[in-house]
Structure formats: C-alpha cells, structure tokens
Protein backbone atom coordinates (compact mmCIF):
# COMPACT_ATOMS: atom_id res chain seq x y z
CA UNK A 1 15.00 -23.94 -27.12
CA UNK A 2 12.88 -21.33 -26.01
CA UNK A 3 14.04 -17.72 -26.67
CA UNK A 4 14.76 -15.55 -23.50
CA UNK A 5 12.51 -12.84 -23.30
CA UNK A 6 13.14 -9.20 -21.36
CA UNK A 7 11.13 -6.71 -19.68
CA UNK A 8 9.90 -4.52 -22.58
CA UNK A 9 9.29 -1.45 -19.60
CA UNK A 10 9.83 -0.22 -16.71
CA UNK A 11 6.64 -1.44 -15.50
CA UNK A 12 7.28 -4.79 -16.02
CA UNK A 13 10.76 -4.50 -14.56
CA UNK A 14 8.91 -3.29 -11.40
CA UNK A 15 6.33 -5.70 -11.54
CA UNK A 16 8.84 -8.73 -11.65
CA UNK A 17 10.82 -7.25 -8.44
CA UNK A 18 10.86 -9.55 -5.62
CA UNK A 19 10.96 -8.50 -1.95
CA UNK A 20 14.25 -7.72 -0.97
CA UNK A 21 14.24 -5.94 2.10
CA UNK A 22 11.95 -7.30 5.45
CA UNK A 23 9.92 -4.62 6.82
CA UNK A 24 7.74 -6.69 9.51
CA UNK A 25 4.30 -5.61 11.01
CA UNK A 26 5.82 -3.98 14.10
CA UNK A 27 8.56 -1.91 11.98
CA UNK A 28 5.21 -0.66 9.82
CA UNK A 29 3.65 0.53 12.52
CA UNK A 30 6.61 2.65 13.64
CA UNK A 31 6.87 4.07 10.06
CA UNK A 32 3.17 4.62 9.85
CA UNK A 33 3.74 6.47 12.94
CA UNK A 34 6.72 8.73 12.01
CA UNK A 35 5.31 9.59 8.35
CA UNK A 36 2.30 10.48 10.76
CA UNK A 37 4.35 12.86 13.03
CA UNK A 38 6.59 13.91 10.16
CA UNK A 39 3.67 15.39 8.75
CA UNK A 40 2.39 17.39 11.70
CA UNK A 41 5.53 19.09 12.18
CA UNK A 42 5.83 19.84 8.42
CA UNK A 43 2.67 21.53 8.63
CA UNK A 44 3.29 23.39 11.65
CA UNK A 45 6.20 24.88 9.88
CA UNK A 46 4.09 25.88 6.76
CA UNK A 47 1.51 27.18 9.17
CA UNK A 48 3.95 29.47 11.11
CA UNK A 49 5.49 31.13 7.96
CA UNK A 50 2.01 31.99 6.69
CA UNK A 51 0.62 33.33 9.95
CA UNK A 52 3.65 34.71 11.68
CA UNK A 53 5.39 36.18 8.91
CA UNK A 54 5.11 39.60 6.87
CA UNK A 55 4.61 40.86 3.28
CA UNK A 56 8.30 40.45 2.13
CA UNK A 57 8.69 39.54 -1.16
CA UNK A 58 11.40 39.37 -3.91
CA UNK A 59 10.61 40.50 -7.71
CA UNK A 60 11.44 37.63 -10.30
CA UNK A 61 12.44 39.63 -13.31
CA UNK A 62 12.85 39.39 -16.81
CA UNK A 63 15.20 41.90 -19.37
CA UNK A 64 14.55 42.86 -22.75
CA UNK A 65 17.68 43.79 -24.75
CA UNK A 66 15.77 46.49 -26.64
CA UNK A 67 17.51 45.47 -29.82
CA UNK A 68 19.76 42.55 -31.51
CA UNK A 69 21.58 40.20 -29.78
CA UNK A 70 24.81 42.23 -28.35
CA UNK A 71 22.83 44.96 -27.35
CA UNK A 72 24.31 46.41 -24.49
CA UNK A 73 22.28 45.70 -21.14
CA UNK A 74 22.53 49.20 -19.83
CA UNK A 75 19.86 49.64 -22.81
CA UNK A 76 17.92 47.06 -21.62
CA UNK A 77 14.47 47.19 -20.00
CA UNK A 78 14.45 44.87 -16.55
CA UNK A 79 10.56 43.87 -15.95
CA UNK A 80 9.34 42.67 -13.03
CA UNK A 81 7.42 39.24 -13.90
CA UNK A 82 5.92 38.44 -10.39
CA UNK A 83 7.03 39.65 -6.62
CA UNK A 84 7.03 36.04 -4.81
CA UNK A 85 5.60 36.69 -1.23
CA UNK A 86 8.64 34.72 0.96
CA UNK A 87 6.70 33.71 3.76
CA UNK A 88 4.41 31.75 1.43
CA UNK A 89 7.34 30.23 -0.85
CA UNK A 90 8.66 29.38 2.76
CA UNK A 91 5.52 27.71 3.68
CA UNK A 92 5.05 25.82 0.44
CA UNK A 93 8.05 23.65 0.73
CA UNK A 94 7.00 22.32 3.99
CA UNK A 95 3.56 22.19 3.13
CA UNK A 96 4.49 20.10 0.26
CA UNK A 97 6.17 17.52 2.94
CA UNK A 98 3.29 17.35 4.65
CA UNK A 99 1.00 16.21 2.21
CA UNK A 100 3.23 13.52 1.27
CA UNK A 101 3.76 12.14 4.56
CA UNK A 102 -0.41 12.27 4.92
CA UNK A 103 -0.40 10.20 1.44
CA UNK A 104 2.14 7.93 2.79
CA UNK A 105 0.53 6.95 6.10
CA UNK A 106 -3.04 7.25 4.48
CA UNK A 107 -5.29 3.65 4.04
CA UNK A 108 -4.58 3.70 0.39
CA UNK A 109 -0.80 4.94 0.47
CA UNK A 110 0.58 2.46 3.15
CA UNK A 111 -0.08 -0.46 1.67
CA UNK A 112 1.70 1.23 -1.41
CA UNK A 113 4.92 2.56 0.80
CA UNK A 114 5.73 -0.72 2.16
CA UNK A 115 5.46 -2.24 -1.03
CA UNK A 116 7.82 -0.46 -2.17
CA UNK A 117 10.58 -0.68 0.58
CA UNK A 118 10.25 -4.15 0.44
CA UNK A 119 11.65 -3.84 -2.89
CA UNK A 120 14.67 -0.96 -2.02
CA UNK A 121 12.78 1.84 -3.12
CA UNK A 122 10.20 4.88 -2.53
CA UNK A 123 9.07 6.79 -5.40
CA UNK A 124 7.14 8.74 -3.15
CA UNK A 125 10.29 10.01 -1.68
CA UNK A 126 11.39 10.91 -5.29
CA UNK A 127 8.35 12.57 -6.33
CA UNK A 128 8.15 14.85 -3.15
CA UNK A 129 11.55 15.82 -3.16
CA UNK A 130 11.34 16.88 -6.73
CA UNK A 131 8.92 19.27 -6.09
CA UNK A 132 10.13 20.51 -2.26
CA UNK A 133 13.07 20.46 -2.65
CA UNK A 134 13.91 22.54 -6.34
CA UNK A 135 11.47 25.11 -4.54
CA UNK A 136 14.08 25.23 -1.92
CA UNK A 137 16.84 25.74 -4.13
CA UNK A 138 14.77 28.63 -6.28
CA UNK A 139 14.14 30.04 -3.04
CA UNK A 140 18.32 30.00 -2.23
CA UNK A 141 18.57 31.35 -5.57
CA UNK A 142 16.56 34.40 -4.99
CA UNK A 143 17.75 35.51 -1.49
CA UNK A 144 21.12 35.30 -2.65
CA UNK A 145 20.03 37.88 -5.58
CA UNK A 146 19.42 35.68 -8.18
CA UNK A 147 15.99 36.93 -10.02
CA UNK A 148 15.90 36.08 -13.72
CA UNK A 149 12.70 33.85 -14.53
CA UNK A 150 15.08 32.27 -16.85
CA UNK A 151 18.01 31.37 -13.97
CA UNK A 152 15.48 30.43 -11.65
CA UNK A 153 13.92 27.58 -14.14
CA UNK A 154 16.98 26.32 -15.47
CA UNK A 155 18.19 25.85 -11.70
CA UNK A 156 14.96 24.38 -10.17
CA UNK A 157 14.77 21.83 -13.03
CA UNK A 158 18.59 20.41 -12.74
CA UNK A 159 17.70 20.27 -9.25
CA UNK A 160 14.47 18.01 -10.36
CA UNK A 161 16.61 16.49 -12.68
CA UNK A 162 19.50 15.61 -9.62
CA UNK A 163 16.56 14.00 -7.88
CA UNK A 164 15.31 12.04 -10.65
CA UNK A 165 18.36 10.49 -11.03
CA UNK A 166 18.17 9.46 -7.14
CA UNK A 167 14.76 7.92 -8.19
CA UNK A 168 16.35 5.78 -11.26
CA UNK A 169 18.91 4.71 -8.83
CA UNK A 170 16.82 3.17 -6.76
CA UNK A 171 14.34 1.64 -9.60
CA UNK A 172 17.58 0.49 -11.28
CA UNK A 173 19.59 -1.07 -7.88
CA UNK A 174 18.81 -3.78 -4.88
CA UNK A 175 20.50 -3.55 -1.68
CA UNK A 176 20.92 -6.78 -1.96
CA UNK A 177 22.58 -6.57 -5.05
CA UNK A 178 25.87 -5.28 -6.64
CA UNK A 179 24.74 -1.21 -7.78
CA UNK A 180 25.14 0.41 -10.70
CA UNK A 181 26.61 3.67 -9.65
CA UNK A 182 25.91 6.13 -12.92
CA UNK A 183 22.64 7.12 -11.70
CA UNK A 184 24.21 8.34 -8.24
CA UNK A 185 27.22 10.20 -10.64
CA UNK A 186 24.86 11.70 -13.08
CA UNK A 187 22.84 13.05 -9.81
CA UNK A 188 25.67 14.27 -8.23
CA UNK A 189 26.72 16.34 -11.69
CA UNK A 190 23.14 17.69 -12.22
CA UNK A 191 22.94 18.78 -8.59
CA UNK A 192 26.28 20.19 -8.01
CA UNK A 193 25.04 22.89 -11.15
CA UNK A 194 22.49 25.35 -9.06
CA UNK A 195 25.29 25.59 -6.44
CA UNK A 196 27.94 26.63 -8.80
CA UNK A 197 25.77 29.11 -10.46
CA UNK A 198 24.69 30.41 -6.85
CA UNK A 199 28.42 30.61 -5.80
CA UNK A 200 29.55 32.21 -8.59
CA UNK A 201 26.55 34.43 -8.34
CA UNK A 202 27.98 35.34 -4.76
CA UNK A 203 31.79 35.58 -5.50
CA UNK A 204 31.07 37.51 -8.29
CA UNK A 205 28.88 40.20 -6.50
CA UNK A 206 31.38 40.33 -3.57
CA UNK A 207 34.59 40.87 -5.02
CA UNK A 208 33.48 43.69 -7.15
CA UNK A 209 34.80 47.25 -6.01
CA UNK A 210 32.49 49.03 -3.43
CA UNK A 211 30.30 45.83 -3.47
CA UNK A 212 28.58 45.13 -0.07
CA UNK A 213 28.01 41.60 -0.85
CA UNK A 214 24.57 39.58 0.51
CA UNK A 215 23.90 39.72 4.26
CA UNK A 216 25.56 37.40 6.78
CA UNK A 217 22.72 35.02 7.55
CA UNK A 218 22.71 34.33 3.60
CA UNK A 219 26.21 33.01 3.95
CA UNK A 220 24.50 30.86 7.23
CA UNK A 221 21.83 29.18 5.02
CA UNK A 222 24.08 29.01 2.24
CA UNK A 223 26.63 26.69 4.53
CA UNK A 224 24.35 24.95 6.15
CA UNK A 225 21.42 24.01 3.33
CA UNK A 226 24.87 22.99 0.79
CA UNK A 227 26.03 20.85 3.59
CA UNK A 228 22.42 19.17 4.16
CA UNK A 229 21.78 18.80 0.32
CA UNK A 230 24.75 16.83 0.08
CA UNK A 231 23.81 14.78 3.55
CA UNK A 232 21.02 13.03 1.18
CA UNK A 233 23.71 11.98 -1.45
CA UNK A 234 25.79 10.89 1.18
CA UNK A 235 23.03 8.85 3.12
CA UNK A 236 22.62 7.08 -0.35
CA UNK A 237 25.69 6.23 -1.11
CA UNK A 238 25.94 4.33 2.66
CA UNK A 239 23.00 2.68 1.37
CA UNK A 240 24.93 0.98 -1.30
CA UNK A 241 27.72 0.35 0.01
CA UNK A 242 26.12 -1.09 2.84
CA UNK A 243 28.11 0.27 5.16
CA UNK A 244 27.28 -0.27 9.30
CA UNK A 245 23.82 0.37 10.06
CA UNK A 246 22.78 1.27 6.45
CA UNK A 247 23.01 -2.60 5.25
CA UNK A 248 19.19 -2.14 6.50
CA UNK A 249 17.39 -0.05 3.67
CA UNK A 250 14.87 0.66 6.46
CA UNK A 251 17.52 2.85 8.13
CA UNK A 252 18.29 4.76 5.24
CA UNK A 253 14.97 5.42 4.70
CA UNK A 254 14.58 7.09 8.37
CA UNK A 255 17.46 8.88 7.71
CA UNK A 256 16.10 10.58 4.86
CA UNK A 257 12.77 11.64 6.89
CA UNK A 258 15.20 12.96 9.75
CA UNK A 259 16.89 14.92 7.47
CA UNK A 260 14.00 16.79 4.82
CA UNK A 261 12.91 17.72 8.39
CA UNK A 262 15.70 19.06 9.23
CA UNK A 263 16.68 20.70 5.83
CA UNK A 264 13.76 22.21 5.19
CA UNK A 265 12.95 23.57 8.92
CA UNK A 266 16.88 24.73 8.94
CA UNK A 267 16.02 26.81 5.86
CA UNK A 268 12.78 28.18 6.76
CA UNK A 269 13.70 29.25 10.20
CA UNK A 270 16.88 31.09 9.04
CA UNK A 271 14.83 32.72 6.41
CA UNK A 272 11.93 33.63 8.87
CA UNK A 273 14.40 34.53 11.87
CA UNK A 274 15.86 36.89 9.22
CA UNK A 275 13.84 38.62 6.59
CA UNK A 276 10.21 37.31 8.14
CA UNK A 277 10.15 38.61 11.32
CA UNK A 278 8.01 42.17 11.58
C-alpha cells in the first residue's frame, strides 16, 4: 500500500489549492478599476493631510526611574524619544493603502490578486492592514494620551497579530468548506487588547479627582473607529458563515475595500478637523 503524503510547508498547502471562487473577466476588470479608484482616493487623503495640516506633534517618551524596581515614579525622569508629526502620521496610513491598491492593480500584481481571490483569500490585504491598521491604533492611542514608547510598540504589535490571524483564517479555510474558527477567535482576543488598554487609560484619567479628560472629539474617534474596526471582523464572520450576499467571497472582498476607505477616512478627517487645521 502506498504511503499517504501530506504537505510539509505552507507553500505546499497553497500550491495544492484549487480555485473555489469564480472571478469572471468582467468581474476582474471591475475589481481592477475599483482598486485604481481606491488608490487615487487614499492618495488624495494622504496628500491633503500633508499639504493642509499644521505642525502639531505629540511626543513619544520613556520613563527612567533613576533607581531599582519600586522606585517612586515621581523620582523618575521623563525623556522625549521622538515628536510624532500628526499630519505625517495620518497621511502615512492612507499612503500605505494607496500603494497596496496600486500594486494590486499593476500588471504584476493583478494576476496574483485574481488567483488569490479565486482561492478565497487575499494576502495583499492582510499585509497592508498589518501596517496601516497598526499605525492607526498607535495614532489613536497617542491622541488619547498614551505616549510611552513601550506601550505604543505593544499596542501596535498586538493589532498586527490580530491582522495576521485574519490572514491565517483565510489561508486555512476555503469559502466552500466548513471553516476552522480558531484563528478568527484568537484574532478577536488579540484585537480587543489595544482597545481595552485605550479604554482603561481614558477611564482612569476621566475618573481622577479634578481631571478634565480628553477633548470631546477623542470620544468621537474612539466610538467610530471601534465600530469600524469590529466591522472588519463582522465581515469575515459573515463570509465564513455564508450569510446572504456573503456567500459570494468577492462580496466580502469589496466590503473590505469599502470599510478600509471609510475607516481611514473617518480617522484622518476627524483628526484633521480637530488638530490639524490652522
């Protein structure tokens, strides 16, 4: 009896995939146009932030306790590591999206993109989100007052881990098969961490005696971006539950594209209107 062989690497698993999603030439053309339009809009957002924004910056810092562990914080020295220009940071996450949409629509990237969609995945998307969405969560943390370098690094990488679980969810599953949900739920656990950190930080500062708390627009950003970030998870859940229009994998892909634009636009323009004008 011949021995049963199994794939020994991710590349073998991916290489053995058979197309399970129909992407007609007409549909592929529409998707290419959509990506070109999105590239232009994201690039316009990025350009507007740089050209119209002011020099407002937030300092990222570290705290040296000047003694052994347990030394009172008030004996420490707060040191500025870098001043983050908010206009440039806001432009950066839109610029990242613009670049990836252009890559997807390029002569080299588009055939790869279509092959990905035909197999029920899009690794371009997850790579872009791991960069742009992680930068967004760091920026949200900054405007709520979290400025410690180590904290910001941790928040950014926790968000990137959430995104990479989304990548794993798509690589491990196919739209026409019963899904393995573990990557999805692990991603939810990783993704809630940054929001818990931000919410607890704001709550602590609001409840302190005599504390004024952050300005009102910060609450608007927290609510809208929390809802939008979770909409990405909902979109993936609908895809793999195969509910309504989401039985078609490409519907979920288009929803991701729209959600990305809305989320980045909402954060960029709320920050612009409240901190970058003038």
